[in-house]
Amino acid sequence: MAMAERIVPRVPDGPSWWALYTRHQHEKTVAEMLSFKGIEVLLPLYEAERRWKDRTKVQSLPLFPGYLFVRATHDRKLHVLTTPGVHMILHRGQEIASIPDYEIEAIQEAVSTRSKVEPHPYMKFGTRVRVTCGPLEGVHGILVRKKNVSRLVLSVDMLAQSVSVEVCAADVEPCNAAA
C-alpha cells in the first residue's frame, strides 16, 4: 500500500496557476472558451505595430505565444483539457506544474501599468532588483538596458520565457540592499 501512495501524484487542495500550451495563434479563442466555462484565465497581451507593404496596424499579441495561464483546482482538469485548442497542461514529472503566485502577480502588475511591455529573451542571471516606487512597487525582476532605456525583466521559470517592462532606473534597488 505504501508503494502505491508514492506513485499517486500529489493533488493540491486549493486552486493554483497552471500554464496551458495551446494551438498556434489560438490563445485568445481558448481563453474566451475557458472563461465561458467559469475558469479564471490570464492571457497577458501587449501592443505591437505590424507593417505590411500598404499599411501599418497595431495588434494585441500574447506576451507568451502559444501559452496562457489558468487558475483551477484538480477537479477542473478535464474541463480545461477538453477545451478545443488546448494541447496540454504543463507538467513537472507526473504532477501538474504550478506556477508561483508571485510570478503571475508580477506579470499582471506589469500588464496593468501604462508602461510598454514586450516579450524578452528568457533570463535567469543578472542584477536582481526590486522596484521601490510607482505602479510596480515591490515587484522583483532583472534590470537590463535596451536602447538607453531601463527595463525590468520578469520571468516565468516554468515556461523559460520572459517579458520586459520599462522602468526608471532611479526607482529600483538591488534586492540584497532591501534585506
N, C-alpha and C. Protein backbone atom coordinates (compact mmCIF):
# COMPACT_ATOMS: atom_id res chain seq x y z
N MET A 1 0.82 -1.19 0.00
CA MET A 1 0.00 0.00 0.00
C MET A 1 0.86 1.26 0.00
N ALA A 2 1.96 1.24 0.73
CA ALA A 2 2.83 2.41 0.80
C ALA A 2 3.45 2.69 -0.56
N MET A 3 3.73 1.65 -1.33
CA MET A 3 4.32 1.84 -2.65
C MET A 3 3.33 2.54 -3.59
N ALA A 4 2.05 2.20 -3.49
CA ALA A 4 1.04 2.84 -4.34
C ALA A 4 0.89 4.32 -3.99
N GLU A 5 1.08 4.66 -2.73
CA GLU A 5 0.98 6.06 -2.32
C GLU A 5 2.10 6.89 -2.92
N ARG A 6 3.26 6.32 -3.13
CA ARG A 6 4.38 7.06 -3.72
C ARG A 6 4.16 7.33 -5.21
N ILE A 7 3.43 6.48 -5.88
CA ILE A 7 3.21 6.62 -7.32
C ILE A 7 2.11 7.63 -7.62
N VAL A 8 1.11 7.73 -6.77
CA VAL A 8 -0.02 8.63 -6.99
C VAL A 8 0.45 10.08 -6.88
N PRO A 9 0.21 10.89 -7.91
CA PRO A 9 0.62 12.30 -7.85
C PRO A 9 -0.10 13.03 -6.72
N ARG A 10 0.61 13.98 -6.12
CA ARG A 10 0.04 14.81 -5.06
C ARG A 10 -0.94 15.79 -5.68
N VAL A 11 -2.11 15.92 -5.10
CA VAL A 11 -3.15 16.83 -5.60
C VAL A 11 -3.25 18.00 -4.62
N PRO A 12 -2.95 19.23 -5.06
CA PRO A 12 -3.05 20.38 -4.16
C PRO A 12 -4.50 20.64 -3.77
N ASP A 13 -4.67 21.21 -2.57
CA ASP A 13 -6.02 21.46 -2.04
C ASP A 13 -6.74 22.57 -2.78
N GLY A 14 -6.13 23.76 -2.81
CA GLY A 14 -6.78 24.93 -3.39
C GLY A 14 -6.42 25.12 -4.85
N PRO A 15 -7.00 26.16 -5.46
CA PRO A 15 -6.67 26.44 -6.86
C PRO A 15 -5.23 26.93 -6.99
N SER A 16 -4.61 26.57 -8.09
CA SER A 16 -3.25 27.04 -8.38
C SER A 16 -3.17 27.42 -9.85
N TRP A 17 -2.14 28.19 -10.19
CA TRP A 17 -1.95 28.64 -11.56
C TRP A 17 -1.25 27.56 -12.37
N TRP A 18 -1.81 27.24 -13.54
CA TRP A 18 -1.22 26.28 -14.46
C TRP A 18 -0.93 27.00 -15.78
N ALA A 19 0.05 26.51 -16.50
CA ALA A 19 0.33 27.00 -17.84
C ALA A 19 -0.25 26.01 -18.85
N LEU A 20 -0.96 26.53 -19.84
CA LEU A 20 -1.53 25.69 -20.88
C LEU A 20 -0.80 25.97 -22.18
N TYR A 21 -0.48 24.90 -22.89
CA TYR A 21 0.08 25.03 -24.22
C TYR A 21 -1.09 24.91 -25.19
N THR A 22 -1.23 25.91 -26.08
CA THR A 22 -2.39 25.96 -26.97
C THR A 22 -1.99 25.76 -28.43
N ARG A 23 -3.00 25.56 -29.23
CA ARG A 23 -2.80 25.50 -30.68
C ARG A 23 -2.26 26.85 -31.16
N HIS A 24 -1.43 26.83 -32.19
CA HIS A 24 -0.79 28.04 -32.70
C HIS A 24 -1.82 29.12 -33.02
N GLN A 25 -1.61 30.31 -32.45
CA GLN A 25 -2.44 31.50 -32.64
C GLN A 25 -3.90 31.31 -32.21
N HIS A 26 -4.14 30.45 -31.22
CA HIS A 26 -5.49 30.24 -30.70
C HIS A 26 -5.61 30.64 -29.23
N GLU A 27 -4.65 31.40 -28.72
CA GLU A 27 -4.65 31.77 -27.30
C GLU A 27 -5.90 32.54 -26.91
N LYS A 28 -6.29 33.52 -27.72
CA LYS A 28 -7.46 34.34 -27.39
C LYS A 28 -8.75 33.53 -27.42
N THR A 29 -8.90 32.67 -28.40
CA THR A 29 -10.10 31.84 -28.51
C THR A 29 -10.20 30.87 -27.34
N VAL A 30 -9.09 30.23 -26.99
CA VAL A 30 -9.08 29.30 -25.87
C VAL A 30 -9.39 30.03 -24.56
N ALA A 31 -8.80 31.22 -24.38
CA ALA A 31 -9.06 32.00 -23.17
C ALA A 31 -10.55 32.34 -23.05
N GLU A 32 -11.16 32.70 -24.15
CA GLU A 32 -12.58 33.04 -24.15
C GLU A 32 -13.44 31.82 -23.79
N MET A 33 -13.12 30.65 -24.35
CA MET A 33 -13.89 29.44 -24.05
C MET A 33 -13.72 29.01 -22.59
N LEU A 34 -12.51 29.12 -22.07
CA LEU A 34 -12.27 28.75 -20.67
C LEU A 34 -13.00 29.70 -19.72
N SER A 35 -12.99 30.98 -20.05
CA SER A 35 -13.73 31.95 -19.24
C SER A 35 -15.22 31.64 -19.24
N PHE A 36 -15.74 31.24 -20.40
CA PHE A 36 -17.15 30.88 -20.52
C PHE A 36 -17.48 29.68 -19.63
N LYS A 37 -16.49 28.78 -19.44
CA LYS A 37 -16.67 27.61 -18.56
C LYS A 37 -16.53 27.97 -17.09
N GLY A 38 -16.23 29.24 -16.79
CA GLY A 38 -16.11 29.68 -15.41
C GLY A 38 -14.74 29.46 -14.80
N ILE A 39 -13.73 29.32 -15.64
CA ILE A 39 -12.36 29.10 -15.18
C ILE A 39 -11.61 30.42 -15.27
N GLU A 40 -10.88 30.76 -14.21
CA GLU A 40 -10.10 32.01 -14.19
C GLU A 40 -8.93 31.89 -15.16
N VAL A 41 -8.82 32.86 -16.07
CA VAL A 41 -7.83 32.82 -17.14
C VAL A 41 -6.99 34.09 -17.11
N LEU A 42 -5.70 33.94 -17.40
CA LEU A 42 -4.82 35.09 -17.59
C LEU A 42 -4.14 34.93 -18.94
N LEU A 43 -4.44 35.85 -19.84
CA LEU A 43 -3.77 35.91 -21.14
C LEU A 43 -3.17 37.30 -21.25
N PRO A 44 -1.92 37.47 -20.81
CA PRO A 44 -1.29 38.79 -20.90
C PRO A 44 -0.99 39.16 -22.35
N LEU A 45 -1.40 40.37 -22.73
CA LEU A 45 -1.22 40.85 -24.10
C LEU A 45 -0.36 42.10 -24.11
N TYR A 46 0.23 42.39 -25.25
CA TYR A 46 0.98 43.63 -25.45
C TYR A 46 0.63 44.17 -26.84
N GLU A 47 0.84 45.47 -27.01
CA GLU A 47 0.56 46.12 -28.29
C GLU A 47 1.82 46.09 -29.15
N ALA A 48 1.68 45.65 -30.39
CA ALA A 48 2.81 45.61 -31.33
C ALA A 48 2.37 46.19 -32.67
N GLU A 49 3.26 46.96 -33.25
CA GLU A 49 2.98 47.56 -34.55
C GLU A 49 3.46 46.60 -35.64
N ARG A 50 2.56 46.23 -36.53
CA ARG A 50 2.88 45.33 -37.64
C ARG A 50 2.78 46.11 -38.94
N ARG A 51 3.78 45.93 -39.80
CA ARG A 51 3.82 46.66 -41.07
C ARG A 51 3.69 45.72 -42.25
N TRP A 52 2.86 46.14 -43.19
CA TRP A 52 2.74 45.46 -44.46
C TRP A 52 3.12 46.48 -45.54
N LYS A 53 3.13 46.07 -46.77
CA LYS A 53 3.50 46.99 -47.85
C LYS A 53 2.59 48.21 -47.91
N ASP A 54 1.29 47.98 -47.70
CA ASP A 54 0.32 49.05 -47.90
C ASP A 54 -0.19 49.71 -46.61
N ARG A 55 0.12 49.15 -45.44
CA ARG A 55 -0.43 49.74 -44.21
C ARG A 55 0.37 49.30 -42.98
N THR A 56 0.10 50.00 -41.90
CA THR A 56 0.65 49.67 -40.59
C THR A 56 -0.52 49.51 -39.63
N LYS A 57 -0.45 48.49 -38.77
CA LYS A 57 -1.56 48.22 -37.87
C LYS A 57 -1.01 47.86 -36.49
N VAL A 58 -1.69 48.32 -35.43
CA VAL A 58 -1.32 47.95 -34.07
C VAL A 58 -2.19 46.76 -33.66
N GLN A 59 -1.53 45.69 -33.21
CA GLN A 59 -2.24 44.47 -32.82
C GLN A 59 -1.95 44.13 -31.37
N SER A 60 -2.91 43.48 -30.73
CA SER A 60 -2.71 42.94 -29.39
C SER A 60 -2.25 41.50 -29.55
N LEU A 61 -1.04 41.21 -29.09
CA LEU A 61 -0.46 39.88 -29.22
C LEU A 61 -0.16 39.30 -27.85
N PRO A 62 -0.16 37.96 -27.72
CA PRO A 62 0.16 37.34 -26.44
C PRO A 62 1.62 37.57 -26.06
N LEU A 63 1.85 37.89 -24.78
CA LEU A 63 3.22 38.05 -24.29
C LEU A 63 3.97 36.72 -24.32
N PHE A 64 3.24 35.62 -24.16
CA PHE A 64 3.82 34.29 -24.18
C PHE A 64 3.14 33.50 -25.30
N PRO A 65 3.64 33.63 -26.54
CA PRO A 65 2.97 32.97 -27.67
C PRO A 65 2.82 31.47 -27.44
N GLY A 66 1.60 30.98 -27.66
CA GLY A 66 1.33 29.56 -27.50
C GLY A 66 0.94 29.14 -26.09
N TYR A 67 0.95 30.08 -25.15
CA TYR A 67 0.64 29.75 -23.76
C TYR A 67 -0.39 30.71 -23.19
N LEU A 68 -1.13 30.22 -22.23
CA LEU A 68 -1.95 31.07 -21.37
C LEU A 68 -2.00 30.41 -20.01
N PHE A 69 -2.49 31.13 -19.02
CA PHE A 69 -2.49 30.66 -17.65
C PHE A 69 -3.92 30.52 -17.14
N VAL A 70 -4.17 29.48 -16.36
CA VAL A 70 -5.47 29.29 -15.73
C VAL A 70 -5.25 29.04 -14.25
N ARG A 71 -6.21 29.47 -13.46
CA ARG A 71 -6.19 29.19 -12.03
C ARG A 71 -7.36 28.24 -11.77
N ALA A 72 -7.02 27.01 -11.40
CA ALA A 72 -8.06 25.99 -11.24
C ALA A 72 -7.64 24.95 -10.21
N THR A 73 -8.61 24.15 -9.83
CA THR A 73 -8.35 23.03 -8.94
C THR A 73 -8.27 21.76 -9.78
N HIS A 74 -7.74 20.72 -9.17
CA HIS A 74 -7.53 19.46 -9.89
C HIS A 74 -8.83 18.89 -10.47
N ASP A 75 -9.96 19.13 -9.79
CA ASP A 75 -11.22 18.58 -10.29
C ASP A 75 -11.71 19.27 -11.57
N ARG A 76 -11.09 20.40 -11.95
CA ARG A 76 -11.46 21.10 -13.19
C ARG A 76 -10.52 20.74 -14.35
N LYS A 77 -9.58 19.84 -14.10
CA LYS A 77 -8.57 19.48 -15.11
C LYS A 77 -9.22 18.99 -16.41
N LEU A 78 -10.21 18.14 -16.32
CA LEU A 78 -10.86 17.62 -17.52
C LEU A 78 -11.57 18.72 -18.30
N HIS A 79 -12.20 19.69 -17.59
CA HIS A 79 -12.85 20.82 -18.26
C HIS A 79 -11.82 21.61 -19.06
N VAL A 80 -10.63 21.77 -18.50
CA VAL A 80 -9.57 22.52 -19.17
C VAL A 80 -9.08 21.75 -20.39
N LEU A 81 -8.76 20.47 -20.20
CA LEU A 81 -8.17 19.67 -21.28
C LEU A 81 -9.12 19.42 -22.44
N THR A 82 -10.42 19.40 -22.20
CA THR A 82 -11.37 19.14 -23.28
C THR A 82 -11.76 20.40 -24.04
N THR A 83 -11.18 21.52 -23.69
CA THR A 83 -11.45 22.76 -24.40
C THR A 83 -10.75 22.73 -25.76
N PRO A 84 -11.47 22.96 -26.85
CA PRO A 84 -10.82 22.97 -28.16
C PRO A 84 -9.67 23.97 -28.22
N GLY A 85 -8.56 23.53 -28.76
CA GLY A 85 -7.39 24.39 -28.89
C GLY A 85 -6.35 24.19 -27.79
N VAL A 86 -6.72 23.50 -26.71
CA VAL A 86 -5.76 23.22 -25.64
C VAL A 86 -5.01 21.94 -26.00
N HIS A 87 -3.68 22.04 -26.12
CA HIS A 87 -2.88 20.84 -26.39
C HIS A 87 -2.59 20.09 -25.10
N MET A 88 -2.15 20.83 -24.06
CA MET A 88 -1.82 20.16 -22.81
C MET A 88 -1.61 21.16 -21.70
N ILE A 89 -1.68 20.64 -20.47
CA ILE A 89 -1.29 21.38 -19.28
C ILE A 89 0.15 21.00 -19.01
N LEU A 90 1.00 21.98 -18.75
CA LEU A 90 2.40 21.67 -18.49
C LEU A 90 2.55 20.91 -17.18
N HIS A 91 3.40 19.89 -17.20
CA HIS A 91 3.63 19.03 -16.05
C HIS A 91 5.09 19.05 -15.64
N ARG A 92 5.33 18.76 -14.41
CA ARG A 92 6.67 18.54 -13.89
C ARG A 92 6.65 17.11 -13.37
N GLY A 93 7.15 16.18 -14.18
CA GLY A 93 7.02 14.76 -13.85
C GLY A 93 5.58 14.34 -14.07
N GLN A 94 4.98 13.71 -13.05
CA GLN A 94 3.59 13.28 -13.16
C GLN A 94 2.62 14.32 -12.61
N GLU A 95 3.12 15.36 -11.98
CA GLU A 95 2.27 16.36 -11.37
C GLU A 95 2.11 17.57 -12.29
N ILE A 96 0.94 18.20 -12.21
CA ILE A 96 0.73 19.45 -12.93
C ILE A 96 1.68 20.48 -12.33
N ALA A 97 2.38 21.19 -13.19
CA ALA A 97 3.34 22.19 -12.73
C ALA A 97 2.60 23.46 -12.33
N SER A 98 2.65 23.78 -11.05
CA SER A 98 2.03 25.01 -10.56
C SER A 98 3.01 26.16 -10.73
N ILE A 99 2.48 27.30 -11.18
CA ILE A 99 3.30 28.50 -11.32
C ILE A 99 3.12 29.32 -10.06
N PRO A 100 4.21 29.75 -9.45
CA PRO A 100 4.09 30.53 -8.20
C PRO A 100 3.26 31.80 -8.39
N ASP A 101 2.45 32.11 -7.37
CA ASP A 101 1.59 33.29 -7.43
C ASP A 101 2.38 34.57 -7.68
N TYR A 102 3.59 34.69 -7.09
CA TYR A 102 4.36 35.92 -7.25
C TYR A 102 4.77 36.15 -8.70
N GLU A 103 5.01 35.09 -9.48
CA GLU A 103 5.34 35.27 -10.89
C GLU A 103 4.13 35.78 -11.67
N ILE A 104 2.96 35.21 -11.39
CA ILE A 104 1.73 35.63 -12.06
C ILE A 104 1.38 37.07 -11.67
N GLU A 105 1.50 37.39 -10.38
CA GLU A 105 1.19 38.74 -9.91
C GLU A 105 2.11 39.78 -10.53
N ALA A 106 3.39 39.45 -10.70
CA ALA A 106 4.33 40.39 -11.33
C ALA A 106 3.92 40.66 -12.79
N ILE A 107 3.53 39.62 -13.50
CA ILE A 107 3.08 39.78 -14.89
C ILE A 107 1.80 40.62 -14.93
N GLN A 108 0.85 40.33 -14.04
CA GLN A 108 -0.41 41.09 -14.01
C GLN A 108 -0.15 42.56 -13.73
N GLU A 109 0.73 42.86 -12.78
CA GLU A 109 1.03 44.26 -12.45
C GLU A 109 1.71 44.96 -13.62
N ALA A 110 2.63 44.28 -14.29
CA ALA A 110 3.33 44.88 -15.42
C ALA A 110 2.36 45.20 -16.55
N VAL A 111 1.45 44.29 -16.84
CA VAL A 111 0.49 44.49 -17.93
C VAL A 111 -0.52 45.58 -17.59
N SER A 112 -0.86 45.73 -16.31
CA SER A 112 -1.87 46.72 -15.92
C SER A 112 -1.33 48.15 -15.91
N THR A 113 -0.02 48.33 -15.95
CA THR A 113 0.54 49.69 -15.99
C THR A 113 0.50 50.22 -17.41
N ARG A 114 0.75 51.51 -17.54
CA ARG A 114 0.79 52.12 -18.87
C ARG A 114 2.17 51.99 -19.51
N SER A 115 3.08 51.31 -18.85
CA SER A 115 4.42 51.13 -19.39
C SER A 115 4.38 50.16 -20.57
N LYS A 116 5.38 50.29 -21.43
CA LYS A 116 5.46 49.42 -22.59
C LYS A 116 5.99 48.05 -22.16
N VAL A 117 5.19 47.02 -22.36
CA VAL A 117 5.55 45.65 -22.04
C VAL A 117 5.73 44.90 -23.34
N GLU A 118 6.76 44.06 -23.41
CA GLU A 118 7.02 43.29 -24.62
C GLU A 118 7.74 42.00 -24.25
N PRO A 119 7.67 40.98 -25.14
CA PRO A 119 8.42 39.75 -24.87
C PRO A 119 9.92 40.03 -24.80
N HIS A 120 10.63 39.21 -24.07
CA HIS A 120 12.06 39.39 -23.90
C HIS A 120 12.70 38.01 -23.82
N PRO A 121 13.92 37.86 -24.33
CA PRO A 121 14.57 36.55 -24.18
C PRO A 121 14.66 36.16 -22.71
N TYR A 122 14.48 34.88 -22.43
CA TYR A 122 14.48 34.39 -21.06
C TYR A 122 15.82 34.67 -20.39
N MET A 123 15.76 35.17 -19.17
CA MET A 123 16.98 35.47 -18.41
C MET A 123 16.86 34.85 -17.03
N LYS A 124 17.90 34.20 -16.60
CA LYS A 124 17.92 33.63 -15.25
C LYS A 124 18.93 34.38 -14.39
N PHE A 125 20.02 34.85 -14.98
CA PHE A 125 21.07 35.51 -14.21
C PHE A 125 21.14 36.98 -14.57
N GLY A 126 21.58 37.79 -13.64
CA GLY A 126 21.69 39.22 -13.85
C GLY A 126 21.48 39.93 -12.53
N THR A 127 21.41 41.23 -12.57
CA THR A 127 21.21 42.01 -11.36
C THR A 127 19.74 41.95 -10.96
N ARG A 128 19.47 41.27 -9.86
CA ARG A 128 18.10 41.19 -9.34
C ARG A 128 17.79 42.49 -8.61
N VAL A 129 16.66 43.09 -8.96
CA VAL A 129 16.28 44.36 -8.35
C VAL A 129 14.84 44.30 -7.88
N ARG A 130 14.49 45.27 -7.04
CA ARG A 130 13.13 45.44 -6.55
C ARG A 130 12.72 46.87 -6.87
N VAL A 131 11.52 47.05 -7.42
CA VAL A 131 11.01 48.39 -7.71
C VAL A 131 10.58 49.02 -6.39
N THR A 132 11.05 50.25 -6.14
CA THR A 132 10.81 50.91 -4.86
C THR A 132 9.63 51.87 -4.86
N CYS A 133 9.19 52.34 -6.04
CA CYS A 133 8.03 53.24 -6.09
C CYS A 133 7.36 53.13 -7.44
N GLY A 134 6.19 53.70 -7.52
CA GLY A 134 5.43 53.67 -8.76
C GLY A 134 4.46 52.51 -8.80
N PRO A 135 3.82 52.29 -9.96
CA PRO A 135 2.79 51.25 -10.06
C PRO A 135 3.33 49.83 -9.90
N LEU A 136 4.62 49.62 -10.10
CA LEU A 136 5.22 48.29 -9.96
C LEU A 136 5.94 48.12 -8.63
N GLU A 137 5.67 48.98 -7.66
CA GLU A 137 6.37 48.93 -6.38
C GLU A 137 6.29 47.53 -5.77
N GLY A 138 7.46 47.03 -5.35
CA GLY A 138 7.54 45.72 -4.71
C GLY A 138 7.79 44.57 -5.67
N VAL A 139 7.69 44.80 -6.98
CA VAL A 139 7.92 43.74 -7.96
C VAL A 139 9.42 43.50 -8.10
N HIS A 140 9.81 42.23 -8.13
CA HIS A 140 11.21 41.84 -8.29
C HIS A 140 11.44 41.38 -9.72
N GLY A 141 12.62 41.66 -10.25
CA GLY A 141 12.98 41.23 -11.59
C GLY A 141 14.45 41.47 -11.84
N ILE A 142 14.84 41.40 -13.11
CA ILE A 142 16.22 41.60 -13.51
C ILE A 142 16.30 42.89 -14.30
N LEU A 143 17.21 43.78 -13.91
CA LEU A 143 17.35 45.06 -14.59
C LEU A 143 18.27 44.91 -15.79
N VAL A 144 17.81 45.37 -16.95
CA VAL A 144 18.62 45.37 -18.18
C VAL A 144 18.48 46.73 -18.85
N ARG A 145 19.34 46.98 -19.79
CA ARG A 145 19.29 48.21 -20.55
C ARG A 145 19.07 47.85 -22.01
N LYS A 146 18.10 48.53 -22.65
CA LYS A 146 17.81 48.28 -24.06
C LYS A 146 17.61 49.63 -24.73
N LYS A 147 18.49 49.98 -25.64
CA LYS A 147 18.41 51.25 -26.36
C LYS A 147 18.32 52.43 -25.40
N ASN A 148 19.21 52.48 -24.43
CA ASN A 148 19.28 53.56 -23.44
C ASN A 148 18.02 53.69 -22.58
N VAL A 149 17.25 52.64 -22.46
CA VAL A 149 16.06 52.62 -21.62
C VAL A 149 16.22 51.48 -20.63
N SER A 150 15.94 51.76 -19.35
CA SER A 150 15.99 50.71 -18.34
C SER A 150 14.71 49.88 -18.42
N ARG A 151 14.89 48.57 -18.37
CA ARG A 151 13.75 47.67 -18.43
C ARG A 151 13.88 46.63 -17.32
N LEU A 152 12.75 46.24 -16.77
CA LEU A 152 12.69 45.21 -15.75
C LEU A 152 12.22 43.93 -16.43
N VAL A 153 13.02 42.88 -16.35
CA VAL A 153 12.68 41.60 -16.98
C VAL A 153 12.01 40.71 -15.93
N LEU A 154 10.81 40.25 -16.25
CA LEU A 154 10.04 39.36 -15.38
C LEU A 154 9.98 38.00 -16.06
N SER A 155 10.34 36.96 -15.35
CA SER A 155 10.43 35.63 -15.94
C SER A 155 9.41 34.67 -15.36
N VAL A 156 8.93 33.77 -16.21
CA VAL A 156 8.13 32.64 -15.78
C VAL A 156 9.02 31.43 -15.98
N ASP A 157 9.60 30.93 -14.89
CA ASP A 157 10.58 29.86 -14.97
C ASP A 157 10.03 28.60 -15.64
N MET A 158 8.78 28.27 -15.37
CA MET A 158 8.19 27.05 -15.92
C MET A 158 8.18 27.07 -17.45
N LEU A 159 7.95 28.25 -18.04
CA LEU A 159 7.91 28.38 -19.50
C LEU A 159 9.27 28.70 -20.09
N ALA A 160 10.23 29.07 -19.24
CA ALA A 160 11.54 29.55 -19.69
C ALA A 160 11.33 30.70 -20.68
N GLN A 161 10.44 31.63 -20.31
CA GLN A 161 10.17 32.81 -21.12
C GLN A 161 10.10 34.01 -20.20
N SER A 162 10.35 35.18 -20.78
CA SER A 162 10.36 36.42 -20.01
C SER A 162 9.66 37.52 -20.76
N VAL A 163 9.28 38.56 -20.02
CA VAL A 163 8.76 39.79 -20.59
C VAL A 163 9.53 40.93 -19.94
N SER A 164 9.52 42.08 -20.60
CA SER A 164 10.20 43.23 -20.00
C SER A 164 9.27 44.42 -20.02
N VAL A 165 9.45 45.28 -19.02
CA VAL A 165 8.62 46.48 -18.89
C VAL A 165 9.55 47.65 -18.58
N GLU A 166 9.25 48.81 -19.18
CA GLU A 166 10.08 49.99 -18.94
C GLU A 166 9.94 50.45 -17.50
N VAL A 167 11.09 50.79 -16.88
CA VAL A 167 11.10 51.34 -15.53
C VAL A 167 12.14 52.46 -15.49
N CYS A 168 12.01 53.33 -14.52
CA CYS A 168 13.02 54.37 -14.30
C CYS A 168 14.10 53.73 -13.43
N ALA A 169 15.36 53.85 -13.85
CA ALA A 169 16.46 53.25 -13.11
C ALA A 169 16.56 53.78 -11.68
N ALA A 170 16.09 54.99 -11.46
CA ALA A 170 16.12 55.56 -10.11
C ALA A 170 15.07 54.94 -9.19
N ASP A 171 14.13 54.22 -9.76
CA ASP A 171 13.04 53.62 -8.99
C ASP A 171 13.29 52.17 -8.59
N VAL A 172 14.52 51.68 -8.79
CA VAL A 172 14.83 50.31 -8.41
C VAL A 172 16.04 50.27 -7.49
N GLU A 173 16.12 49.18 -6.73
CA GLU A 173 17.28 48.97 -5.87
C GLU A 173 17.65 47.50 -5.93
N PRO A 174 18.92 47.17 -5.77
CA PRO A 174 19.30 45.75 -5.76
C PRO A 174 18.54 45.02 -4.65
N CYS A 175 18.16 43.79 -4.90
CA CYS A 175 17.38 43.02 -3.93
C CYS A 175 18.11 42.85 -2.60
N ASN A 176 19.45 42.65 -2.63
CA ASN A 176 20.18 42.44 -1.39
C ASN A 176 20.26 43.72 -0.56
N ALA A 177 20.00 44.89 -1.18
CA ALA A 177 20.01 46.15 -0.42
C ALA A 177 18.77 46.25 0.46
N ALA A 178 17.68 45.58 0.07
CA ALA A 178 16.46 45.63 0.87
C ALA A 178 16.51 44.71 2.07
N ALA A 179 17.42 43.75 2.04
CA ALA A 179 17.47 42.75 3.12
C ALA A 179 18.08 43.31 4.38
